[in-house]
Amino acid sequence: MSEQDGTPSTTTHGLEDVATGTAETRGTAHGHEHGRGRSSDTVGPRTKGLALGAPATLAEVTADLPSTTGDTFGWPLLTLDDAALEHNLTTMAEVCRSAGVLHAPHVKTTMSRQVFARQQAHGAWGATVANPAQLHTVVDWGVRRVFLANEMVDPRETRRLRTLVETSDALDPLEAWLYVDSAYGVRLLATAFADAAPEVRERVGVLVEVGVAGGRTGTRGPEQALDLARSVAGAGLRLVGVAGYEGSAASGTTPDDLARVAAYCRSLREVAGLFVEAGLVGQDGSPIVVSAGGSSFLDVVVAELPGPLDGPDGRTTPVDVLVRSGAYVTHDHGFCERMDPWRRIPGAVPMRAAATVWAQVLSAPEPGLVVLGAGRRDLAYDLDLPVALSVRRADDDGVLASPEPLHGARVTGLNDQHLFLAVDDLAPGTPALGPGDVVGLGISHPCTLFDKWRVAAVVDAEDRVVELVTTDF
């Protein structure tokens, strides 16, 4: 669909949009202004990380570029490094542009309309979501291209999807894509859109999901995928291509892991070729979509998926590759850093960890141990424990100094609101930590961090808060 005139297209999925990256203001998405009358734009005494005595708008809080150590904020606090965010956004956009692939970032990572507005300003084709609730949320942000990278098997949701598409602005209509991996899912969609107008049906794209044995969702084997694709087309639904999650094929970055991911990507192209040969997609010269995740194995995805499909009759069918990486935007100090595909992409530069949770030392109850005021309700911990990065030392009056590196401290455990930090092996010459000091913590797996926060503070190099971003979990 063209963003310029809002009309559906059967010949392109917007590949040219990757390179546009129009300048948009912070806090907007798809050119729409948001936040008018929204409770999410008002913060106050109930907002974790802030120390406000009365409600205020986001703009009011940041108007004077306050410091995180000033009276506006409290601990714990989630901060995002503005320069690191911009670096990550630019790097991803450049890699996608160079590879000629579309990018629909998975917003499940942050569920922040302000963060997504930045992603879209850097050329994102649309937003990927994980479930119908997230779909409704991003549509409410004003996003008009949404990719539900999952199955929709609730008849209430298929009916709601039709309503969303039918009632969207005719000058700026909603286009939604989603997975199927069962005849049941196809039947629900067919029923919901049975008597819909052709232009409505055209704006709902269906992709057959291809999984792996022992993995999660998705068809198993090319024959099952082809049978399901025939069902989609036979039901009068718009089949746009094939999709899957290559992360199910491997858990590391060894040569064997990368080979399995490459083989999986080739299987997606194989299935796409079967769809074309069966006359289900691409018969008018339009492209077929092949979509993969692209977070941990973006290097393999962009090496294996792009390129036209060669048919047995000598014709070629163009392929629109769409990647859905979302965690890249903040990266991390753990899982993403270990899996980092950017080091394997020629000419690319590594991503930079942008998220830090700051927590105060509450107690130093015994030698070698300090306890911080942050825990499972503030930090990601499903893959790795947080890592201690730096410390702001408090003077006798509680005034905090600038951050300094903290080497040798180890997070050993979390309670709901407490963190245990072993300090018996600090680097030589490092002063002891005491109550009032504030420790900066790096996290592993940003997708389980942001759901614990309603607001994050975006900071510049001088520790001034230049923006507050909200989340909608």
Protein backbone atom coordinates (compact mmCIF):
# COMPACT_ATOMS: atom_id res chain seq x y z
CA MET A 1 0.00 0.00 0.00
CA SER A 2 1.28 3.42 -0.85
CA GLU A 3 1.64 5.80 2.08
CA GLN A 4 1.36 8.68 -0.33
CA ASP A 5 -2.12 8.02 -1.64
CA GLY A 6 -3.37 5.32 0.72
CA THR A 7 -4.31 2.93 -2.08
CA PRO A 8 -3.62 -0.79 -1.95
CA SER A 9 -0.93 -2.08 -4.26
CA THR A 10 -0.61 -5.54 -5.72
CA THR A 11 2.85 -4.87 -7.14
CA THR A 12 4.86 -3.66 -4.15
CA HIS A 13 4.87 -3.99 -0.41
CA GLY A 14 6.65 -0.69 0.08
CA LEU A 15 10.26 -1.75 -0.39
CA GLU A 16 11.10 1.79 -1.39
CA ASP A 17 10.00 3.03 2.04
CA VAL A 18 13.07 1.53 3.69
CA ALA A 19 15.19 4.31 2.27
CA THR A 20 12.88 7.24 2.92
CA GLY A 21 13.21 7.80 6.67
CA THR A 22 11.14 10.97 6.72
CA ALA A 23 11.77 13.31 9.60
CA GLU A 24 9.06 12.95 12.19
CA THR A 25 8.74 14.57 15.55
CA ARG A 26 9.24 12.56 18.67
CA GLY A 27 6.07 11.01 20.03
CA THR A 28 4.39 10.55 16.67
CA ALA A 29 3.89 7.60 14.39
CA HIS A 30 3.01 7.50 10.70
CA GLY A 31 2.70 11.26 10.65
CA HIS A 32 -0.11 11.34 13.21
CA GLU A 33 -0.03 13.47 16.32
CA HIS A 34 -0.65 11.43 19.41
CA GLY A 35 -1.23 11.96 23.07
CA ARG A 36 -4.06 14.46 22.91
CA GLY A 37 -6.01 13.68 26.04
CA ARG A 38 -4.11 10.44 26.64
CA SER A 39 -3.50 9.46 30.24
CA SER A 40 -0.15 8.02 29.13
CA ASP A 41 1.03 11.57 28.44
CA THR A 42 0.44 12.55 32.04
CA VAL A 43 2.74 11.40 34.81
CA GLY A 44 2.66 12.09 38.50
CA PRO A 45 3.09 10.76 42.02
CA ARG A 46 2.16 7.22 40.91
CA THR A 47 4.83 7.02 38.20
CA LYS A 48 7.85 4.90 39.13
CA GLY A 49 11.14 6.68 38.62
CA LEU A 50 9.63 10.14 39.01
CA ALA A 51 9.26 12.15 42.21
CA LEU A 52 6.41 14.46 41.33
CA GLY A 53 4.04 16.02 43.80
CA ALA A 54 1.29 16.55 41.24
CA PRO A 55 0.40 15.38 37.73
CA ALA A 56 2.38 16.86 34.84
CA THR A 57 2.69 16.29 31.13
CA LEU A 58 5.75 14.65 29.64
CA ALA A 59 6.73 17.93 28.01
CA GLU A 60 6.41 19.81 31.29
CA VAL A 61 8.70 17.37 33.07
CA THR A 62 11.48 17.67 30.49
CA ALA A 63 11.06 21.35 29.60
CA ASP A 64 14.15 22.41 31.57
CA LEU A 65 16.23 19.33 30.66
CA PRO A 66 16.41 18.15 34.27
CA SER A 67 19.22 15.94 35.57
CA THR A 68 18.39 12.41 36.68
CA THR A 69 19.92 13.27 40.06
CA GLY A 70 17.66 16.29 40.53
CA ASP A 71 14.46 16.51 42.51
CA THR A 72 12.30 15.46 39.54
CA PHE A 73 13.44 11.84 39.65
CA GLY A 74 13.85 9.02 42.14
CA TRP A 75 15.35 5.54 42.34
CA PRO A 76 15.10 3.07 40.77
CA LEU A 77 15.09 4.73 37.37
CA LEU A 78 15.29 3.37 33.83
CA THR A 79 17.36 5.53 31.49
CA LEU A 80 17.99 5.25 27.76
CA ASP A 81 21.13 6.73 26.25
CA ASP A 82 19.98 9.04 23.47
CA ALA A 83 23.18 8.69 21.43
CA ALA A 84 23.10 4.89 21.68
CA LEU A 85 19.46 4.80 20.57
CA GLU A 86 20.24 6.96 17.55
CA HIS A 87 23.29 4.86 16.71
CA ASN A 88 21.26 1.64 16.82
CA LEU A 89 18.42 3.09 14.77
CA THR A 90 20.79 4.42 12.13
CA THR A 91 22.80 1.20 11.96
CA MET A 92 19.71 -0.96 11.48
CA ALA A 93 18.32 1.36 8.82
CA GLU A 94 21.60 1.34 6.92
CA VAL A 95 21.89 -2.46 7.01
CA CYS A 96 18.31 -2.89 5.79
CA ARG A 97 18.82 -0.32 3.07
CA SER A 98 22.04 -1.93 1.92
CA ALA A 99 20.48 -5.41 1.87
CA GLY A 100 17.30 -4.18 0.17
CA VAL A 101 14.97 -5.53 2.84
CA LEU A 102 11.93 -4.12 4.59
CA HIS A 103 11.93 -3.65 8.35
CA ALA A 104 8.86 -3.85 10.58
CA PRO A 105 10.41 -3.63 14.06
CA HIS A 106 8.81 -5.80 16.70
CA VAL A 107 7.36 -3.30 19.14
CA LYS A 108 6.85 -5.95 21.83
CA THR A 109 10.34 -4.99 23.04
CA THR A 110 9.42 -1.52 24.26
CA MET A 111 5.71 -1.05 23.46
CA SER A 112 6.57 2.63 23.31
CA ARG A 113 4.95 4.85 20.71
CA GLN A 114 7.77 7.39 21.06
CA VAL A 115 10.41 4.74 20.39
CA PHE A 116 8.43 3.41 17.44
CA ALA A 117 8.09 6.93 16.05
CA ARG A 118 11.87 7.06 15.93
CA GLN A 119 12.01 3.68 14.22
CA GLN A 120 9.52 4.80 11.62
CA ALA A 121 11.42 8.03 11.08
CA HIS A 122 14.39 5.83 10.22
CA GLY A 123 12.46 4.05 7.49
CA ALA A 124 10.49 1.28 9.20
CA TRP A 125 7.83 -0.14 6.88
CA GLY A 126 5.41 -0.74 9.74
CA ALA A 127 5.15 -2.27 13.20
CA THR A 128 5.29 -5.94 14.16
CA VAL A 129 3.21 -7.07 17.14
CA ALA A 130 2.86 -10.32 19.05
CA ASN A 131 -0.85 -10.50 19.82
CA PRO A 132 -4.19 -8.81 19.13
CA ALA A 133 -3.90 -6.59 22.21
CA GLN A 134 -0.67 -5.13 20.89
CA LEU A 135 -2.24 -4.75 17.46
CA HIS A 136 -5.05 -2.65 18.91
CA THR A 137 -2.52 -0.58 20.83
CA VAL A 138 -0.36 0.35 17.85
CA VAL A 139 -3.39 1.08 15.69
CA ASP A 140 -4.45 3.48 18.44
CA TRP A 141 -1.02 5.10 18.15
CA GLY A 142 -1.89 5.82 14.52
CA VAL A 143 0.21 3.10 12.89
CA ARG A 144 -1.29 2.07 9.56
CA ARG A 145 0.84 -0.95 8.66
CA VAL A 146 0.76 -3.68 11.29
CA PHE A 147 2.19 -7.18 11.08
CA LEU A 148 0.81 -9.63 13.65
CA ALA A 149 3.63 -12.17 13.72
CA ASN A 150 1.43 -14.80 15.26
CA GLU A 151 -1.76 -16.76 14.72
CA MET A 152 -5.19 -15.24 15.34
CA VAL A 153 -7.49 -18.03 16.50
CA ASP A 154 -10.14 -16.15 18.48
CA PRO A 155 -13.27 -15.39 16.40
CA ARG A 156 -13.83 -12.23 18.44
CA GLU A 157 -10.44 -10.96 17.32
CA THR A 158 -10.97 -11.77 13.64
CA ARG A 159 -14.22 -9.80 13.79
CA ARG A 160 -12.45 -6.92 15.55
CA LEU A 161 -9.75 -6.98 12.91
CA ARG A 162 -12.35 -6.57 10.19
CA THR A 163 -13.89 -3.66 12.08
CA LEU A 164 -10.50 -1.98 12.45
CA VAL A 165 -9.77 -2.30 8.74
CA GLU A 166 -13.26 -1.28 7.62
CA THR A 167 -13.47 1.77 9.86
CA SER A 168 -9.98 3.11 9.23
CA ASP A 169 -9.68 6.42 7.41
CA ALA A 170 -10.22 5.93 3.68
CA LEU A 171 -7.45 8.43 3.00
CA ASP A 172 -5.06 6.62 5.33
CA PRO A 173 -6.36 3.05 5.59
CA LEU A 174 -5.09 0.33 7.86
CA GLU A 175 -3.21 -2.60 6.33
CA ALA A 176 -2.77 -5.66 8.55
CA TRP A 177 -0.81 -8.85 7.96
CA LEU A 178 -0.92 -11.98 10.09
CA TYR A 179 0.11 -15.63 10.27
CA VAL A 180 -1.83 -18.83 9.78
CA ASP A 181 -0.62 -22.35 10.52
CA SER A 182 -3.93 -24.23 10.69
CA ALA A 183 -7.11 -24.79 8.73
CA TYR A 184 -8.97 -23.50 11.78
CA GLY A 185 -7.22 -20.14 11.56
CA VAL A 186 -7.97 -19.88 7.86
CA ARG A 187 -11.62 -20.71 8.48
CA LEU A 188 -11.98 -18.00 11.14
CA LEU A 189 -10.51 -15.36 8.86
CA ALA A 190 -12.63 -16.51 5.92
CA THR A 191 -15.77 -16.31 8.04
CA ALA A 192 -14.94 -12.88 9.43
CA PHE A 193 -14.25 -11.39 5.99
CA ALA A 194 -16.77 -13.43 3.98
CA ASP A 195 -18.91 -10.50 2.86
CA ALA A 196 -16.34 -7.73 3.24
CA ALA A 197 -15.78 -5.32 0.39
CA PRO A 198 -12.92 -6.25 -1.95
CA GLU A 199 -10.87 -3.25 -0.87
CA VAL A 200 -11.17 -4.38 2.76
CA ARG A 201 -10.10 -7.94 2.00
CA GLU A 202 -7.18 -6.58 -0.03
CA ARG A 203 -5.82 -4.83 3.05
CA VAL A 204 -5.53 -8.03 5.10
CA GLY A 205 -2.48 -10.03 4.11
CA VAL A 206 -2.05 -13.65 5.16
CA LEU A 207 1.33 -15.35 5.51
CA VAL A 208 1.73 -19.08 6.06
CA GLU A 209 4.05 -19.63 8.99
CA VAL A 210 6.74 -22.27 8.63
CA GLY A 211 8.15 -23.71 11.84
CA VAL A 212 10.78 -26.27 12.79
CA ALA A 213 10.47 -29.65 14.45
CA GLY A 214 10.58 -29.17 18.20
CA GLY A 215 10.03 -25.44 17.78
CA ARG A 216 6.94 -23.42 18.45
CA THR A 217 4.17 -22.41 16.02
CA GLY A 218 4.22 -22.89 12.26
CA THR A 219 3.50 -25.57 9.71
CA ARG A 220 5.83 -28.56 9.64
CA GLY A 221 7.19 -29.31 6.20
CA PRO A 222 6.69 -27.72 2.77
CA GLU A 223 3.75 -29.93 1.81
CA GLN A 224 1.71 -28.85 4.82
CA ALA A 225 2.57 -25.21 4.11
CA LEU A 226 1.50 -25.54 0.48
CA ASP A 227 -1.78 -27.22 1.40
CA LEU A 228 -2.54 -24.40 3.81
CA ALA A 229 -1.64 -21.77 1.23
CA ARG A 230 -4.13 -23.35 -1.16
CA SER A 231 -6.76 -23.11 1.58
CA VAL A 232 -5.99 -19.42 2.08
CA ALA A 233 -6.33 -18.65 -1.61
CA GLY A 234 -9.38 -20.85 -1.95
CA ALA A 235 -11.09 -18.95 0.85
CA GLY A 236 -10.71 -15.71 -1.05
CA LEU A 237 -8.15 -14.33 1.37
CA ARG A 238 -5.10 -12.40 0.21
CA LEU A 239 -2.05 -14.67 0.42
CA VAL A 240 1.08 -12.50 0.49
CA GLY A 241 3.79 -14.99 1.38
CA VAL A 242 5.59 -17.08 3.95
CA ALA A 243 7.11 -16.26 7.32
CA GLY A 244 8.88 -17.80 10.26
CA TYR A 245 11.22 -17.39 13.19
CA GLU A 246 14.77 -18.50 12.55
CA GLY A 247 15.61 -18.30 16.25
CA SER A 248 13.88 -21.66 16.72
CA ALA A 249 16.53 -23.30 14.54
CA ALA A 250 19.52 -22.49 16.77
CA SER A 251 20.46 -21.28 20.23
CA GLY A 252 24.01 -20.03 19.69
CA THR A 253 26.39 -18.66 17.12
CA THR A 254 28.65 -21.64 16.44
CA PRO A 255 29.24 -22.57 12.79
CA ASP A 256 26.71 -25.39 13.19
CA ASP A 257 24.14 -22.96 14.64
CA LEU A 258 24.62 -20.53 11.77
CA ALA A 259 24.37 -23.37 9.25
CA ARG A 260 21.04 -24.48 10.73
CA VAL A 261 19.70 -20.94 10.53
CA ALA A 262 20.85 -20.67 6.92
CA ALA A 263 19.14 -23.96 6.07
CA TYR A 264 15.94 -22.74 7.70
CA CYS A 265 16.04 -19.50 5.70
CA ARG A 266 16.51 -21.50 2.51
CA SER A 267 13.47 -23.58 3.47
CA LEU A 268 11.41 -20.38 3.61
CA ARG A 269 12.47 -19.55 0.07
CA GLU A 270 11.70 -23.12 -0.99
CA VAL A 271 8.16 -22.83 0.35
CA ALA A 272 7.77 -19.43 -1.30
CA GLY A 273 8.81 -21.03 -4.58
CA LEU A 274 6.16 -23.71 -4.16
CA PHE A 275 3.51 -21.03 -3.69
CA VAL A 276 4.60 -19.33 -6.90
CA GLU A 277 4.77 -22.57 -8.88
CA ALA A 278 1.25 -23.42 -7.71
CA GLY A 279 -0.01 -20.11 -9.07
CA LEU A 280 -0.99 -18.82 -5.63
CA VAL A 281 1.21 -15.70 -5.52
CA GLY A 282 3.09 -13.55 -7.99
CA GLN A 283 1.24 -14.46 -11.16
CA ASP A 284 0.86 -10.81 -12.13
CA GLY A 285 4.52 -10.03 -11.48
CA SER A 286 3.90 -8.85 -7.94
CA PRO A 287 6.41 -9.87 -5.26
CA ILE A 288 6.00 -12.60 -2.70
CA VAL A 289 6.83 -11.69 0.89
CA VAL A 290 9.34 -13.78 2.84
CA SER A 291 9.66 -12.69 6.47
CA ALA A 292 12.04 -13.68 9.27
CA GLY A 293 12.90 -12.29 12.69
CA GLY A 294 16.40 -10.97 12.24
CA SER A 295 17.44 -10.11 15.79
CA SER A 296 20.15 -12.65 16.59
CA PHE A 297 20.82 -13.85 13.05
CA LEU A 298 20.28 -10.81 10.86
CA ASP A 299 23.53 -11.52 9.04
CA VAL A 300 22.27 -14.93 7.92
CA VAL A 301 18.79 -13.66 7.08
CA VAL A 302 19.99 -10.86 4.79
CA ALA A 303 22.49 -13.22 3.15
CA GLU A 304 19.99 -16.01 2.44
CA LEU A 305 16.55 -14.51 1.85
CA PRO A 306 16.86 -11.68 -0.72
CA GLY A 307 16.82 -12.31 -4.44
CA PRO A 308 14.17 -13.27 -7.01
CA LEU A 309 12.78 -16.77 -7.26
CA ASP A 310 13.51 -18.61 -10.49
CA GLY A 311 10.50 -20.51 -11.81
CA PRO A 312 10.54 -23.70 -13.91
CA ASP A 313 9.18 -21.77 -16.88
CA GLY A 314 12.09 -19.33 -16.85
CA ARG A 315 10.13 -16.53 -15.21
CA THR A 316 11.40 -14.86 -12.07
CA THR A 317 9.29 -13.65 -9.18
CA PRO A 318 10.52 -10.75 -7.05
CA VAL A 319 10.83 -11.34 -3.32
CA ASP A 320 10.16 -8.70 -0.66
CA VAL A 321 12.11 -9.69 2.44
CA LEU A 322 10.72 -8.28 5.67
CA VAL A 323 12.67 -8.55 8.93
CA ARG A 324 11.08 -7.97 12.32
CA SER A 325 13.97 -7.28 14.71
CA GLY A 326 12.98 -5.19 17.73
CA ALA A 327 15.56 -5.74 20.49
CA TYR A 328 18.26 -3.99 18.44
CA VAL A 329 16.88 -0.57 19.40
CA THR A 330 18.30 -0.77 22.93
CA HIS A 331 20.58 -3.80 22.55
CA ASP A 332 21.84 -4.98 25.97
CA HIS A 333 24.80 -6.07 28.11
CA GLY A 334 23.97 -9.78 27.97
CA PHE A 335 22.06 -11.95 25.51
CA CYS A 336 21.97 -9.50 22.60
CA GLU A 337 25.64 -8.70 23.12
CA ARG A 338 26.54 -12.40 22.98
CA MET A 339 24.43 -13.11 19.90
CA ASP A 340 25.31 -9.82 18.18
CA PRO A 341 25.03 -10.39 14.39
CA TRP A 342 26.37 -6.94 13.61
CA ARG A 343 29.94 -8.11 14.09
CA ARG A 344 29.33 -10.68 11.36
CA ILE A 345 27.93 -8.22 8.80
CA PRO A 346 30.65 -6.72 6.58
CA GLY A 347 30.82 -2.98 7.03
CA ALA A 348 28.36 -2.86 9.93
CA VAL A 349 29.30 -1.52 13.34
CA PRO A 350 28.27 -3.15 16.63
CA MET A 351 25.13 -2.03 18.39
CA ARG A 352 25.43 -0.15 21.68
CA ALA A 353 23.59 -0.97 24.89
CA ALA A 354 21.23 1.92 25.60
CA ALA A 355 19.29 0.84 28.70
CA THR A 356 20.51 1.26 32.28
CA VAL A 357 18.57 0.80 35.50
CA TRP A 358 19.87 2.95 38.33
CA ALA A 359 19.35 1.65 41.87
CA GLN A 360 20.45 3.01 45.22
CA VAL A 361 22.50 1.15 47.80
CA LEU A 362 20.12 0.64 50.71
CA SER A 363 22.42 -1.28 53.00
CA ALA A 364 25.91 -2.72 53.42
CA PRO A 365 24.91 -5.26 56.07
CA GLU A 366 28.04 -7.42 56.08
CA PRO A 367 31.50 -7.52 54.52
CA GLY A 368 31.41 -8.22 50.80
CA LEU A 369 27.69 -7.50 50.35
CA VAL A 370 25.59 -4.48 49.51
CA VAL A 371 21.86 -4.51 48.86
CA LEU A 372 20.29 -2.28 46.22
CA GLY A 373 16.73 -1.01 46.00
CA ALA A 374 15.71 -2.71 42.76
CA GLY A 375 14.55 -6.23 42.03
CA ARG A 376 12.44 -8.46 39.85
CA ARG A 377 9.84 -5.74 39.43
CA ASP A 378 12.41 -3.43 37.89
CA LEU A 379 14.93 -5.59 36.02
CA ALA A 380 15.05 -8.28 33.35
CA TYR A 381 16.25 -11.58 34.81
CA ASP A 382 14.86 -14.40 32.65
CA LEU A 383 18.09 -15.03 30.72
CA ASP A 384 20.81 -13.48 32.87
CA LEU A 385 21.13 -11.46 36.04
CA PRO A 386 21.90 -7.76 35.61
CA VAL A 387 25.51 -6.56 35.52
CA ALA A 388 26.97 -3.74 37.60
CA LEU A 389 28.38 -1.09 35.29
CA SER A 390 29.07 2.07 37.24
CA VAL A 391 28.52 3.87 40.51
CA ARG A 392 27.59 7.40 41.51
CA ARG A 393 29.06 7.98 44.94
CA ALA A 394 27.11 9.97 47.50
CA ASP A 395 28.84 12.48 49.77
CA ASP A 396 27.89 13.02 53.38
CA ASP A 397 24.94 15.15 52.31
CA GLY A 398 23.70 12.62 49.75
CA VAL A 399 24.85 14.64 46.75
CA LEU A 400 25.83 12.29 43.94
CA ALA A 401 29.02 12.49 41.91
CA SER A 402 29.31 11.67 38.23
CA PRO A 403 29.32 7.96 37.33
CA GLU A 404 32.59 6.07 37.52
CA PRO A 405 33.24 2.51 36.33
CA LEU A 406 32.54 -0.25 38.83
CA HIS A 407 34.72 -3.28 38.18
CA GLY A 408 34.48 -6.55 40.06
CA ALA A 409 31.00 -6.20 41.58
CA ARG A 410 28.69 -9.15 40.84
CA VAL A 411 24.92 -9.42 41.03
CA THR A 412 24.21 -12.69 42.84
CA GLY A 413 20.44 -12.60 43.25
CA LEU A 414 17.18 -10.68 43.15
CA ASN A 415 14.14 -10.41 45.37
CA ASP A 416 11.00 -8.56 44.38
CA GLN A 417 12.43 -5.18 45.42
CA HIS A 418 16.04 -5.97 46.39
CA LEU A 419 19.24 -6.83 44.55
CA PHE A 420 22.22 -8.59 46.12
CA LEU A 421 25.57 -7.25 44.95
CA ALA A 422 28.77 -9.06 45.89
CA VAL A 423 31.57 -6.53 46.40
CA ASP A 424 34.28 -8.78 47.84
CA ASP A 425 36.27 -8.75 44.61
CA LEU A 426 36.28 -5.11 43.57
CA ALA A 427 39.12 -3.86 41.41
CA PRO A 428 42.17 -2.76 43.45
CA GLY A 429 41.84 0.76 44.75
CA THR A 430 38.04 0.85 44.40
CA PRO A 431 36.44 2.47 47.45
CA ALA A 432 33.76 0.50 49.27
CA LEU A 433 30.14 1.07 48.36
CA GLY A 434 27.86 2.43 51.02
CA PRO A 435 24.26 3.52 51.62
CA GLY A 436 23.22 6.35 49.34
CA ASP A 437 25.50 5.40 46.46
CA VAL A 438 23.69 4.69 43.19
CA VAL A 439 24.71 1.80 40.93
CA GLY A 440 24.07 1.65 37.19
CA LEU A 441 22.92 -1.81 36.09
CA GLY A 442 23.08 -3.24 32.60
CA ILE A 443 20.44 -5.76 31.59
CA SER A 444 20.13 -8.86 29.47
CA HIS A 445 17.09 -9.26 27.19
CA PRO A 446 15.34 -5.90 26.77
CA CYS A 447 12.07 -7.61 25.84
CA THR A 448 11.50 -8.43 29.52
CA LEU A 449 12.63 -5.06 30.87
CA PHE A 450 10.23 -2.47 29.52
CA ASP A 451 7.08 -4.19 30.76
CA LYS A 452 8.26 -3.29 34.27
CA TRP A 453 8.28 0.42 33.54
CA ARG A 454 5.66 2.95 32.53
CA VAL A 455 8.22 5.66 31.78
CA ALA A 456 11.89 5.69 30.75
CA ALA A 457 14.10 8.77 30.75
CA VAL A 458 16.11 9.44 27.59
CA VAL A 459 19.37 11.12 28.60
CA ASP A 460 22.09 12.96 26.72
CA ALA A 461 25.84 12.88 27.33
CA GLU A 462 25.49 15.43 30.13
CA ASP A 463 22.88 13.35 31.97
CA ARG A 464 20.09 15.73 31.03
CA VAL A 465 16.70 14.17 30.40
CA VAL A 466 15.78 15.20 26.87
CA GLU A 467 12.63 13.09 26.58
CA LEU A 468 10.37 10.79 28.55
CA VAL A 469 9.10 7.77 26.65
CA THR A 470 6.05 5.87 27.81
CA THR A 471 5.12 2.21 27.48
CA ASP A 472 1.73 0.64 26.77
CA PHE A 473 1.89 -2.89 28.14
